[in-house]
Amino acid sequence: MTPRDAADDGGSRWSDLDRPPLNAMALRRALVREGGLWSQVEVVQSTGSTNSDLVDAASAGRASEGAVLVAEEQTSGRGRLDRRWTAPPRSGLFFSVLLTPSEVPVARWGWLPLLTGVAVATGLSRAAGVDTALKWPNDLLVTVGGEERKAGGILAERAGQESVVVGVGLNVTLRADELPVPLAGSLALAGAQNTDRDPLLRGVLRSLEEWYGRWRAAGGDPAASGLQETYAAGCATLGRTVRAELPGDRSIVGEAVAVDGDGRLVIATKEGVQEPVGAGDIVHLRPA
């Protein structure tokens, strides 16, 4: 599918006046600057997946570090484990960025989804006035009616040998009758003070630039950059009883006690074993 530019939509982009389109020109003016991380910002009306498009562009040499691709609508959005991500047009922020952390050993690139989570939560706290918690490894949680709800997710994919594409999907103005599943949420439903997507996106990308620069300057060291401590402080998974569903139909139940230096979730089982989990699906269990 060829993405359609947001400016070539025949006026239909204004069909929902509560959800105005993003202003691509204003975003570029605010974010693309000499010496900064963001090198280009493109907004398209609709595409299958911003991650897939940016991976393809990087592989073909059509995108370099700092490229940002934003879609008003994704028709084939993906989460971890090939889960589908669907939302009405202009109801959220759906974007991907291209990063080339050449100063950082590849072994530490696994911190990029966690770093992005910290950056999104920090940016939203400033720009939207809403608290966003992090569920390891890549979910963004908000509180709606006293309940924990998933409002967004993060997906990182390699783009060749030198780059990573990190995608973010975030529900902003999704209404209760539009929720894809009962446990989904949005910034609006969580009582955000601001749901204007232009300043929200600017805030998130500026926060991501700040955290990525700090982490890269530290050679990817999560402790020296402050990333490990900040992630742990905002992680809703720590201190909870969880079930980790692992590859090979194996599962572990225990208390999530730490995120180690490799970004793995450390689970303490009732047998007294502390087992680090680097990949898997984490389920927050209710107290007995």
C-alpha atoms as a PDB file:
ATOM      1  CA  MET A   1       0.000   0.000   0.000  1.00  0.00           C
ATOM      2  CA  THR A   2       1.267   3.472  -0.846  1.00  0.00           C
ATOM      3  CA  PRO A   3       0.751   5.968   1.975  1.00  0.00           C
ATOM      4  CA  ARG A   4      -1.470   8.924   1.087  1.00  0.00           C
ATOM      5  CA  ASP A   5      -0.210  12.340   2.074  1.00  0.00           C
ATOM      6  CA  ALA A   6      -2.341  14.081   4.678  1.00  0.00           C
ATOM      7  CA  ALA A   7      -2.723  17.093   2.417  1.00  0.00           C
ATOM      8  CA  ASP A   8      -4.314  15.087  -0.408  1.00  0.00           C
ATOM      9  CA  ASP A   9      -7.500  13.881   1.219  1.00  0.00           C
ATOM     10  CA  GLY A  10     -10.160  15.864  -0.611  1.00  0.00           C
ATOM     11  CA  GLY A  11     -11.307  17.590   2.549  1.00  0.00           C
ATOM     12  CA  SER A  12     -12.539  14.395   4.226  1.00  0.00           C
ATOM     13  CA  ARG A  13      -9.892  14.783   6.922  1.00  0.00           C
ATOM     14  CA  TRP A  14     -12.220  17.312   8.568  1.00  0.00           C
ATOM     15  CA  SER A  15     -15.129  14.849   8.750  1.00  0.00           C
ATOM     16  CA  ASP A  16     -14.784  14.631  12.541  1.00  0.00           C
ATOM     17  CA  LEU A  17     -14.339  18.157  13.885  1.00  0.00           C
ATOM     18  CA  ASP A  18     -13.426  16.801  17.320  1.00  0.00           C
ATOM     19  CA  ARG A  19     -10.412  15.176  15.674  1.00  0.00           C
ATOM     20  CA  PRO A  20      -8.638  17.759  13.516  1.00  0.00           C
ATOM     21  CA  PRO A  21      -5.688  16.616  11.405  1.00  0.00           C
ATOM     22  CA  LEU A  22      -2.092  17.053  12.465  1.00  0.00           C
ATOM     23  CA  ASN A  23      -0.297  20.093  11.105  1.00  0.00           C
ATOM     24  CA  ALA A  24       2.732  18.588   9.353  1.00  0.00           C
ATOM     25  CA  MET A  25       4.325  21.926   8.523  1.00  0.00           C
ATOM     26  CA  ALA A  26       4.087  23.183  12.111  1.00  0.00           C
ATOM     27  CA  LEU A  27       5.491  19.889  13.418  1.00  0.00           C
ATOM     28  CA  ARG A  28       8.481  20.155  11.095  1.00  0.00           C
ATOM     29  CA  ARG A  29       9.122  23.757  12.137  1.00  0.00           C
ATOM     30  CA  ALA A  30       9.013  22.784  15.804  1.00  0.00           C
ATOM     31  CA  LEU A  31      11.043  19.587  15.662  1.00  0.00           C
ATOM     32  CA  VAL A  32      13.539  19.681  12.785  1.00  0.00           C
ATOM     33  CA  ARG A  33      16.479  21.870  13.729  1.00  0.00           C
ATOM     34  CA  GLU A  34      20.195  21.972  13.079  1.00  0.00           C
ATOM     35  CA  GLY A  35      22.058  19.756  15.535  1.00  0.00           C
ATOM     36  CA  GLY A  36      18.857  18.064  16.675  1.00  0.00           C
ATOM     37  CA  LEU A  37      17.902  14.406  16.355  1.00  0.00           C
ATOM     38  CA  TRP A  38      14.827  14.752  14.152  1.00  0.00           C
ATOM     39  CA  SER A  39      15.846  15.086  10.507  1.00  0.00           C
ATOM     40  CA  GLN A  40      12.444  14.847   8.806  1.00  0.00           C
ATOM     41  CA  VAL A  41       8.811  14.598   9.841  1.00  0.00           C
ATOM     42  CA  GLU A  42       6.275  13.176   7.407  1.00  0.00           C
ATOM     43  CA  VAL A  43       2.559  12.917   8.076  1.00  0.00           C
ATOM     44  CA  VAL A  44       0.469  10.638   5.858  1.00  0.00           C
ATOM     45  CA  GLN A  45      -3.282  10.250   5.846  1.00  0.00           C
ATOM     46  CA  SER A  46      -3.364   6.457   5.856  1.00  0.00           C
ATOM     47  CA  THR A  47      -0.979   3.524   5.594  1.00  0.00           C
ATOM     48  CA  GLY A  48      -0.749  -0.079   6.623  1.00  0.00           C
ATOM     49  CA  SER A  49       2.016   0.245   9.201  1.00  0.00           C
ATOM     50  CA  THR A  50       4.374   3.134   9.858  1.00  0.00           C
ATOM     51  CA  ASN A  51       6.945   0.664  11.179  1.00  0.00           C
ATOM     52  CA  SER A  52       6.874  -1.396   7.985  1.00  0.00           C
ATOM     53  CA  ASP A  53       7.063   1.725   5.819  1.00  0.00           C
ATOM     54  CA  LEU A  54      10.030   3.150   7.715  1.00  0.00           C
ATOM     55  CA  VAL A  55      11.898  -0.169   7.784  1.00  0.00           C
ATOM     56  CA  ASP A  56      11.444  -0.385   4.001  1.00  0.00           C
ATOM     57  CA  ALA A  57      12.560   3.225   3.526  1.00  0.00           C
ATOM     58  CA  ALA A  58      15.668   2.702   5.650  1.00  0.00           C
ATOM     59  CA  SER A  59      16.543  -0.512   3.819  1.00  0.00           C
ATOM     60  CA  ALA A  60      16.237   1.293   0.471  1.00  0.00           C
ATOM     61  CA  GLY A  61      18.359   4.219   1.625  1.00  0.00           C
ATOM     62  CA  ARG A  62      15.417   6.643   1.560  1.00  0.00           C
ATOM     63  CA  ALA A  63      15.515   7.452   5.280  1.00  0.00           C
ATOM     64  CA  SER A  64      18.265   8.281   7.745  1.00  0.00           C
ATOM     65  CA  GLU A  65      18.481   8.614  11.518  1.00  0.00           C
ATOM     66  CA  GLY A  66      15.895  10.947  12.941  1.00  0.00           C
ATOM     67  CA  ALA A  67      13.234  10.261  10.329  1.00  0.00           C
ATOM     68  CA  VAL A  68       9.716  10.402  11.789  1.00  0.00           C
ATOM     69  CA  LEU A  69       6.710   8.915  10.005  1.00  0.00           C
ATOM     70  CA  VAL A  70       3.248   9.683  11.383  1.00  0.00           C
ATOM     71  CA  ALA A  71      -0.053   8.262  10.119  1.00  0.00           C
ATOM     72  CA  GLU A  72      -3.504   9.648  10.800  1.00  0.00           C
ATOM     73  CA  GLU A  73      -4.748   6.084  10.347  1.00  0.00           C
ATOM     74  CA  GLN A  74      -3.070   2.670  10.299  1.00  0.00           C
ATOM     75  CA  THR A  75      -4.943  -0.118   8.568  1.00  0.00           C
ATOM     76  CA  SER A  76      -2.499  -2.884   9.547  1.00  0.00           C
ATOM     77  CA  GLY A  77      -0.989  -1.622  12.777  1.00  0.00           C
ATOM     78  CA  ARG A  78       0.959  -4.222  14.712  1.00  0.00           C
ATOM     79  CA  GLY A  79       1.925  -4.777  18.318  1.00  0.00           C
ATOM     80  CA  ARG A  80       4.176  -7.355  19.895  1.00  0.00           C
ATOM     81  CA  LEU A  81       3.557 -11.022  19.047  1.00  0.00           C
ATOM     82  CA  ASP A  82       1.874  -9.909  15.774  1.00  0.00           C
ATOM     83  CA  ARG A  83      -1.162  -8.542  17.589  1.00  0.00           C
ATOM     84  CA  ARG A  84      -3.348  -6.150  15.626  1.00  0.00           C
ATOM     85  CA  TRP A  85      -3.748  -2.494  16.580  1.00  0.00           C
ATOM     86  CA  THR A  86      -6.873  -0.735  15.315  1.00  0.00           C
ATOM     87  CA  ALA A  87      -8.295   2.712  16.014  1.00  0.00           C
ATOM     88  CA  PRO A  88     -10.476   5.279  14.197  1.00  0.00           C
ATOM     89  CA  PRO A  89      -8.676   7.855  12.027  1.00  0.00           C
ATOM     90  CA  ARG A  90      -7.110  10.762  13.948  1.00  0.00           C
ATOM     91  CA  SER A  91      -8.101   9.262  17.315  1.00  0.00           C
ATOM     92  CA  GLY A  92      -4.512   8.746  18.427  1.00  0.00           C
ATOM     93  CA  LEU A  93      -0.835   9.098  17.722  1.00  0.00           C
ATOM     94  CA  PHE A  94       0.530   6.421  15.413  1.00  0.00           C
ATOM     95  CA  PHE A  95       4.159   7.034  14.502  1.00  0.00           C
ATOM     96  CA  SER A  96       7.578   5.468  13.998  1.00  0.00           C
ATOM     97  CA  VAL A  97      11.103   6.831  14.301  1.00  0.00           C
ATOM     98  CA  LEU A  98      14.395   5.647  12.825  1.00  0.00           C
ATOM     99  CA  LEU A  99      17.339   5.461  15.229  1.00  0.00           C
ATOM    100  CA  THR A 100      20.967   4.541  14.527  1.00  0.00           C
ATOM    101  CA  PRO A 101      22.693   4.220  17.918  1.00  0.00           C
ATOM    102  CA  SER A 102      26.188   3.605  16.529  1.00  0.00           C
ATOM    103  CA  GLU A 103      27.876   4.512  19.842  1.00  0.00           C
ATOM    104  CA  VAL A 104      25.919   1.818  21.692  1.00  0.00           C
ATOM    105  CA  PRO A 105      26.803  -1.897  21.695  1.00  0.00           C
ATOM    106  CA  VAL A 106      24.114  -3.950  19.968  1.00  0.00           C
ATOM    107  CA  ALA A 107      23.651  -5.950  23.172  1.00  0.00           C
ATOM    108  CA  ARG A 108      22.154  -2.834  24.768  1.00  0.00           C
ATOM    109  CA  TRP A 109      19.716  -2.021  21.968  1.00  0.00           C
ATOM    110  CA  GLY A 110      17.074  -4.005  23.826  1.00  0.00           C
ATOM    111  CA  TRP A 111      16.687  -0.962  26.061  1.00  0.00           C
ATOM    112  CA  LEU A 112      15.200   1.096  23.221  1.00  0.00           C
ATOM    113  CA  PRO A 113      11.546   0.034  23.782  1.00  0.00           C
ATOM    114  CA  LEU A 114      11.924   0.696  27.514  1.00  0.00           C
ATOM    115  CA  LEU A 115      13.606   4.043  26.826  1.00  0.00           C
ATOM    116  CA  THR A 116      10.753   4.965  24.501  1.00  0.00           C
ATOM    117  CA  GLY A 117       8.249   4.083  27.211  1.00  0.00           C
ATOM    118  CA  VAL A 118      10.001   6.381  29.674  1.00  0.00           C
ATOM    119  CA  ALA A 119      10.113   9.151  27.062  1.00  0.00           C
ATOM    120  CA  VAL A 120       6.414   8.812  26.191  1.00  0.00           C
ATOM    121  CA  ALA A 121       5.360   8.781  29.848  1.00  0.00           C
ATOM    122  CA  THR A 122       7.526  11.827  30.604  1.00  0.00           C
ATOM    123  CA  GLY A 123       6.306  13.710  27.546  1.00  0.00           C
ATOM    124  CA  LEU A 124       2.651  12.994  28.279  1.00  0.00           C
ATOM    125  CA  SER A 125       2.988  14.061  31.891  1.00  0.00           C
ATOM    126  CA  ARG A 126       4.197  17.466  30.701  1.00  0.00           C
ATOM    127  CA  ALA A 127       1.979  17.918  27.648  1.00  0.00           C
ATOM    128  CA  ALA A 128      -1.253  16.147  28.631  1.00  0.00           C
ATOM    129  CA  GLY A 129      -1.250  16.376  32.397  1.00  0.00           C
ATOM    130  CA  VAL A 130      -1.915  12.662  32.732  1.00  0.00           C
ATOM    131  CA  ASP A 131      -0.014   9.922  34.527  1.00  0.00           C
ATOM    132  CA  THR A 132       1.085   7.053  32.316  1.00  0.00           C
ATOM    133  CA  ALA A 133       2.491   3.887  33.867  1.00  0.00           C
ATOM    134  CA  LEU A 134       4.672   1.339  32.088  1.00  0.00           C
ATOM    135  CA  LYS A 135       3.925  -2.345  31.881  1.00  0.00           C
ATOM    136  CA  TRP A 136       7.059  -4.323  31.068  1.00  0.00           C
ATOM    137  CA  PRO A 137       8.221  -4.457  28.377  1.00  0.00           C
ATOM    138  CA  ASN A 138       6.263  -2.110  26.131  1.00  0.00           C
ATOM    139  CA  ASP A 139       2.713  -1.236  27.202  1.00  0.00           C
ATOM    140  CA  LEU A 140       1.502   2.233  28.215  1.00  0.00           C
ATOM    141  CA  LEU A 141      -1.122   2.193  30.955  1.00  0.00           C
ATOM    142  CA  VAL A 142      -3.594   4.790  32.206  1.00  0.00           C
ATOM    143  CA  THR A 143      -6.204   4.694  34.963  1.00  0.00           C
ATOM    144  CA  VAL A 144      -9.854   4.876  33.910  1.00  0.00           C
ATOM    145  CA  GLY A 145     -12.522   4.682  36.601  1.00  0.00           C
ATOM    146  CA  GLY A 146     -10.032   3.256  39.073  1.00  0.00           C
ATOM    147  CA  GLU A 147      -9.014   0.492  36.676  1.00  0.00           C
ATOM    148  CA  GLU A 148      -5.717  -0.020  34.888  1.00  0.00           C
ATOM    149  CA  ARG A 149      -6.195   0.204  31.123  1.00  0.00           C
ATOM    150  CA  LYS A 150      -3.830  -0.149  28.171  1.00  0.00           C
ATOM    151  CA  ALA A 151      -3.721   3.078  26.164  1.00  0.00           C
ATOM    152  CA  GLY A 152      -0.728   2.359  23.971  1.00  0.00           C
ATOM    153  CA  GLY A 153       2.144   0.147  22.991  1.00  0.00           C
ATOM    154  CA  ILE A 154       5.649   0.208  21.571  1.00  0.00           C
ATOM    155  CA  LEU A 155       7.217  -2.000  18.910  1.00  0.00           C
ATOM    156  CA  ALA A 156      10.930  -1.992  17.998  1.00  0.00           C
ATOM    157  CA  GLU A 157      12.237  -3.666  14.843  1.00  0.00           C
ATOM    158  CA  ARG A 158      15.685  -3.882  13.296  1.00  0.00           C
ATOM    159  CA  ALA A 159      16.223  -1.995  10.048  1.00  0.00           C
ATOM    160  CA  GLY A 160      19.334  -3.552   8.551  1.00  0.00           C
ATOM    161  CA  GLN A 161      22.483  -3.950  10.627  1.00  0.00           C
ATOM    162  CA  GLU A 162      22.833  -0.382  11.889  1.00  0.00           C
ATOM    163  CA  SER A 163      19.367   0.946  12.693  1.00  0.00           C
ATOM    164  CA  VAL A 164      16.221   0.317  14.692  1.00  0.00           C
ATOM    165  CA  VAL A 165      12.699   1.507  13.934  1.00  0.00           C
ATOM    166  CA  VAL A 166      10.629   2.177  17.042  1.00  0.00           C
ATOM    167  CA  GLY A 167       6.882   2.527  16.627  1.00  0.00           C
ATOM    168  CA  VAL A 168       4.372   3.984  19.078  1.00  0.00           C
ATOM    169  CA  GLY A 169       0.601   3.616  19.041  1.00  0.00           C
ATOM    170  CA  LEU A 170      -1.299   5.722  21.563  1.00  0.00           C
ATOM    171  CA  ASN A 171      -5.053   6.175  22.008  1.00  0.00           C
ATOM    172  CA  VAL A 172      -5.770   9.863  22.571  1.00  0.00           C
ATOM    173  CA  THR A 173      -9.456  10.683  22.014  1.00  0.00           C
ATOM    174  CA  LEU A 174     -10.850   7.165  21.741  1.00  0.00           C
ATOM    175  CA  ARG A 175     -14.344   7.123  23.249  1.00  0.00           C
ATOM    176  CA  ALA A 176     -15.803   4.373  25.422  1.00  0.00           C
ATOM    177  CA  ASP A 177     -18.006   3.046  22.608  1.00  0.00           C
ATOM    178  CA  GLU A 178     -14.957   2.823  20.322  1.00  0.00           C
ATOM    179  CA  LEU A 179     -12.770   0.673  22.564  1.00  0.00           C
ATOM    180  CA  PRO A 180     -11.553  -2.423  20.698  1.00  0.00           C
ATOM    181  CA  VAL A 181     -11.511  -4.471  23.925  1.00  0.00           C
ATOM    182  CA  PRO A 182     -12.931  -3.760  27.402  1.00  0.00           C
ATOM    183  CA  LEU A 183      -9.493  -3.289  28.986  1.00  0.00           C
ATOM    184  CA  ALA A 184      -8.380  -0.640  26.495  1.00  0.00           C
ATOM    185  CA  GLY A 185      -8.217   3.023  27.431  1.00  0.00           C
ATOM    186  CA  SER A 186      -7.289   6.450  26.113  1.00  0.00           C
ATOM    187  CA  LEU A 187      -5.913   9.723  27.376  1.00  0.00           C
ATOM    188  CA  ALA A 188      -9.367  11.308  27.117  1.00  0.00           C
ATOM    189  CA  LEU A 189     -10.986   8.564  29.183  1.00  0.00           C
ATOM    190  CA  ALA A 190      -8.188   8.957  31.751  1.00  0.00           C
ATOM    191  CA  GLY A 191      -9.067  12.645  32.176  1.00  0.00           C
ATOM    192  CA  ALA A 192      -6.156  14.197  30.281  1.00  0.00           C
ATOM    193  CA  GLN A 193      -6.068  17.990  30.513  1.00  0.00           C
ATOM    194  CA  ASN A 194      -5.008  18.254  26.867  1.00  0.00           C
ATOM    195  CA  THR A 195      -5.879  15.970  23.945  1.00  0.00           C
ATOM    196  CA  ASP A 196      -4.607  18.213  21.139  1.00  0.00           C
ATOM    197  CA  ARG A 197      -2.384  15.788  19.244  1.00  0.00           C
ATOM    198  CA  ASP A 198       0.041  18.386  17.846  1.00  0.00           C
ATOM    199  CA  PRO A 199       1.496  19.478  21.213  1.00  0.00           C
ATOM    200  CA  LEU A 200       1.283  15.906  22.494  1.00  0.00           C
ATOM    201  CA  LEU A 201       3.395  14.622  19.616  1.00  0.00           C
ATOM    202  CA  ARG A 202       5.872  17.473  19.975  1.00  0.00           C
ATOM    203  CA  GLY A 203       6.173  16.776  23.694  1.00  0.00           C
ATOM    204  CA  VAL A 204       6.711  13.049  23.225  1.00  0.00           C
ATOM    205  CA  LEU A 205       9.316  13.482  20.464  1.00  0.00           C
ATOM    206  CA  ARG A 206      11.237  16.113  22.424  1.00  0.00           C
ATOM    207  CA  SER A 207      11.263  13.818  25.434  1.00  0.00           C
ATOM    208  CA  LEU A 208      12.431  10.922  23.257  1.00  0.00           C
ATOM    209  CA  GLU A 209      15.231  13.076  21.822  1.00  0.00           C
ATOM    210  CA  GLU A 210      16.330  13.986  25.351  1.00  0.00           C
ATOM    211  CA  TRP A 211      16.360  10.417  26.693  1.00  0.00           C
ATOM    212  CA  TYR A 212      17.908   8.926  23.562  1.00  0.00           C
ATOM    213  CA  GLY A 213      20.702  11.519  23.662  1.00  0.00           C
ATOM    214  CA  ARG A 214      21.378  10.827  27.332  1.00  0.00           C
ATOM    215  CA  TRP A 215      21.439   7.053  26.804  1.00  0.00           C
ATOM    216  CA  ARG A 216      23.608   7.293  23.691  1.00  0.00           C
ATOM    217  CA  ALA A 217      26.091   9.636  25.408  1.00  0.00           C
ATOM    218  CA  ALA A 218      26.473   7.014  28.153  1.00  0.00           C
ATOM    219  CA  GLY A 219      27.258   4.319  25.580  1.00  0.00           C
ATOM    220  CA  GLY A 220      23.883   2.720  26.250  1.00  0.00           C
ATOM    221  CA  ASP A 221      24.641   2.180  29.949  1.00  0.00           C
ATOM    222  CA  PRO A 222      21.172   2.154  31.549  1.00  0.00           C
ATOM    223  CA  ALA A 223      22.493   2.961  35.016  1.00  0.00           C
ATOM    224  CA  ALA A 224      24.846   5.798  34.059  1.00  0.00           C
ATOM    225  CA  SER A 225      22.178   7.430  31.884  1.00  0.00           C
ATOM    226  CA  GLY A 226      19.558   7.236  34.646  1.00  0.00           C
ATOM    227  CA  LEU A 227      17.313   5.157  32.416  1.00  0.00           C
ATOM    228  CA  GLN A 228      17.211   2.017  34.552  1.00  0.00           C
ATOM    229  CA  GLU A 229      16.243   3.909  37.712  1.00  0.00           C
ATOM    230  CA  THR A 230      13.629   6.043  35.944  1.00  0.00           C
ATOM    231  CA  TYR A 231      12.082   3.058  34.199  1.00  0.00           C
ATOM    232  CA  ALA A 232      11.815   1.151  37.484  1.00  0.00           C
ATOM    233  CA  ALA A 233      10.166   4.151  39.167  1.00  0.00           C
ATOM    234  CA  GLY A 234       7.444   4.280  36.506  1.00  0.00           C
ATOM    235  CA  CYS A 235       6.980   0.545  35.947  1.00  0.00           C
ATOM    236  CA  ALA A 236       3.607  -0.737  37.142  1.00  0.00           C
ATOM    237  CA  THR A 237       4.810  -4.332  36.801  1.00  0.00           C
ATOM    238  CA  LEU A 238       7.381  -4.158  39.598  1.00  0.00           C
ATOM    239  CA  GLY A 239       6.126  -5.273  42.982  1.00  0.00           C
ATOM    240  CA  ARG A 240       3.226  -7.140  41.389  1.00  0.00           C
ATOM    241  CA  THR A 241       2.484 -10.826  41.210  1.00  0.00           C
ATOM    242  CA  VAL A 242       2.737 -11.735  37.541  1.00  0.00           C
ATOM    243  CA  ARG A 243       2.581 -14.652  35.186  1.00  0.00           C
ATOM    244  CA  ALA A 244       5.190 -14.701  32.453  1.00  0.00           C
ATOM    245  CA  GLU A 245       4.061 -16.694  29.426  1.00  0.00           C
ATOM    246  CA  LEU A 246       7.277 -17.751  27.735  1.00  0.00           C
ATOM    247  CA  PRO A 247       8.195 -19.318  24.395  1.00  0.00           C
ATOM    248  CA  GLY A 248       7.735 -23.075  24.309  1.00  0.00           C
ATOM    249  CA  ASP A 249       4.455 -23.011  26.268  1.00  0.00           C
ATOM    250  CA  ARG A 250       6.288 -22.425  29.549  1.00  0.00           C
ATOM    251  CA  SER A 251       5.128 -20.015  32.219  1.00  0.00           C
ATOM    252  CA  ILE A 252       6.460 -18.576  35.472  1.00  0.00           C
ATOM    253  CA  VAL A 253       4.434 -17.126  38.333  1.00  0.00           C
ATOM    254  CA  GLY A 254       6.021 -14.915  40.951  1.00  0.00           C
ATOM    255  CA  GLU A 255       6.736 -11.372  42.064  1.00  0.00           C
ATOM    256  CA  ALA A 256       8.341  -8.978  39.603  1.00  0.00           C
ATOM    257  CA  VAL A 257      11.196  -7.618  41.709  1.00  0.00           C
ATOM    258  CA  ALA A 258      13.531  -5.760  39.344  1.00  0.00           C
ATOM    259  CA  VAL A 259      14.539  -4.802  35.822  1.00  0.00           C
ATOM    260  CA  ASP A 260      18.168  -5.847  35.416  1.00  0.00           C
ATOM    261  CA  GLY A 261      20.983  -4.176  33.497  1.00  0.00           C
ATOM    262  CA  ASP A 262      19.986  -5.978  30.306  1.00  0.00           C
ATOM    263  CA  GLY A 263      16.395  -4.727  30.522  1.00  0.00           C
ATOM    264  CA  ARG A 264      15.069  -8.127  31.584  1.00  0.00           C
ATOM    265  CA  LEU A 265      12.275  -8.511  34.114  1.00  0.00           C
ATOM    266  CA  VAL A 266      13.432 -10.433  37.197  1.00  0.00           C
ATOM    267  CA  ILE A 267      10.736 -12.649  38.697  1.00  0.00           C
ATOM    268  CA  ALA A 268      11.070 -14.173  42.173  1.00  0.00           C
ATOM    269  CA  THR A 269       9.182 -17.476  42.359  1.00  0.00           C
ATOM    270  CA  LYS A 270       7.765 -19.107  45.472  1.00  0.00           C
ATOM    271  CA  GLU A 271      10.603 -21.644  45.228  1.00  0.00           C
ATOM    272  CA  GLY A 272      13.038 -18.838  46.018  1.00  0.00           C
ATOM    273  CA  VAL A 273      14.473 -18.614  42.515  1.00  0.00           C
ATOM    274  CA  GLN A 274      15.001 -15.265  40.797  1.00  0.00           C
ATOM    275  CA  GLU A 275      14.582 -15.778  37.079  1.00  0.00           C
ATOM    276  CA  PRO A 276      15.263 -13.041  34.495  1.00  0.00           C
ATOM    277  CA  VAL A 277      12.804 -12.903  31.597  1.00  0.00           C
ATOM    278  CA  GLY A 278      13.952 -11.296  28.366  1.00  0.00           C
ATOM    279  CA  ALA A 279      10.961 -12.106  26.171  1.00  0.00           C
ATOM    280  CA  GLY A 280       7.419 -13.161  26.837  1.00  0.00           C
ATOM    281  CA  ASP A 281       3.913 -11.983  27.627  1.00  0.00           C
ATOM    282  CA  ILE A 282       3.421 -10.610  31.131  1.00  0.00           C
ATOM    283  CA  VAL A 283       0.050 -10.840  32.869  1.00  0.00           C
ATOM    284  CA  HIS A 284      -0.577  -8.760  36.004  1.00  0.00           C
ATOM    285  CA  LEU A 285      -2.368 -11.035  38.470  1.00  0.00           C
ATOM    286  CA  ARG A 286      -4.842  -9.785  41.017  1.00  0.00           C
ATOM    287  CA  PRO A 287      -3.960 -10.341  44.686  1.00  0.00           C
ATOM    288  CA  ALA A 288      -5.450 -13.542  46.044  1.00  0.00           C
END
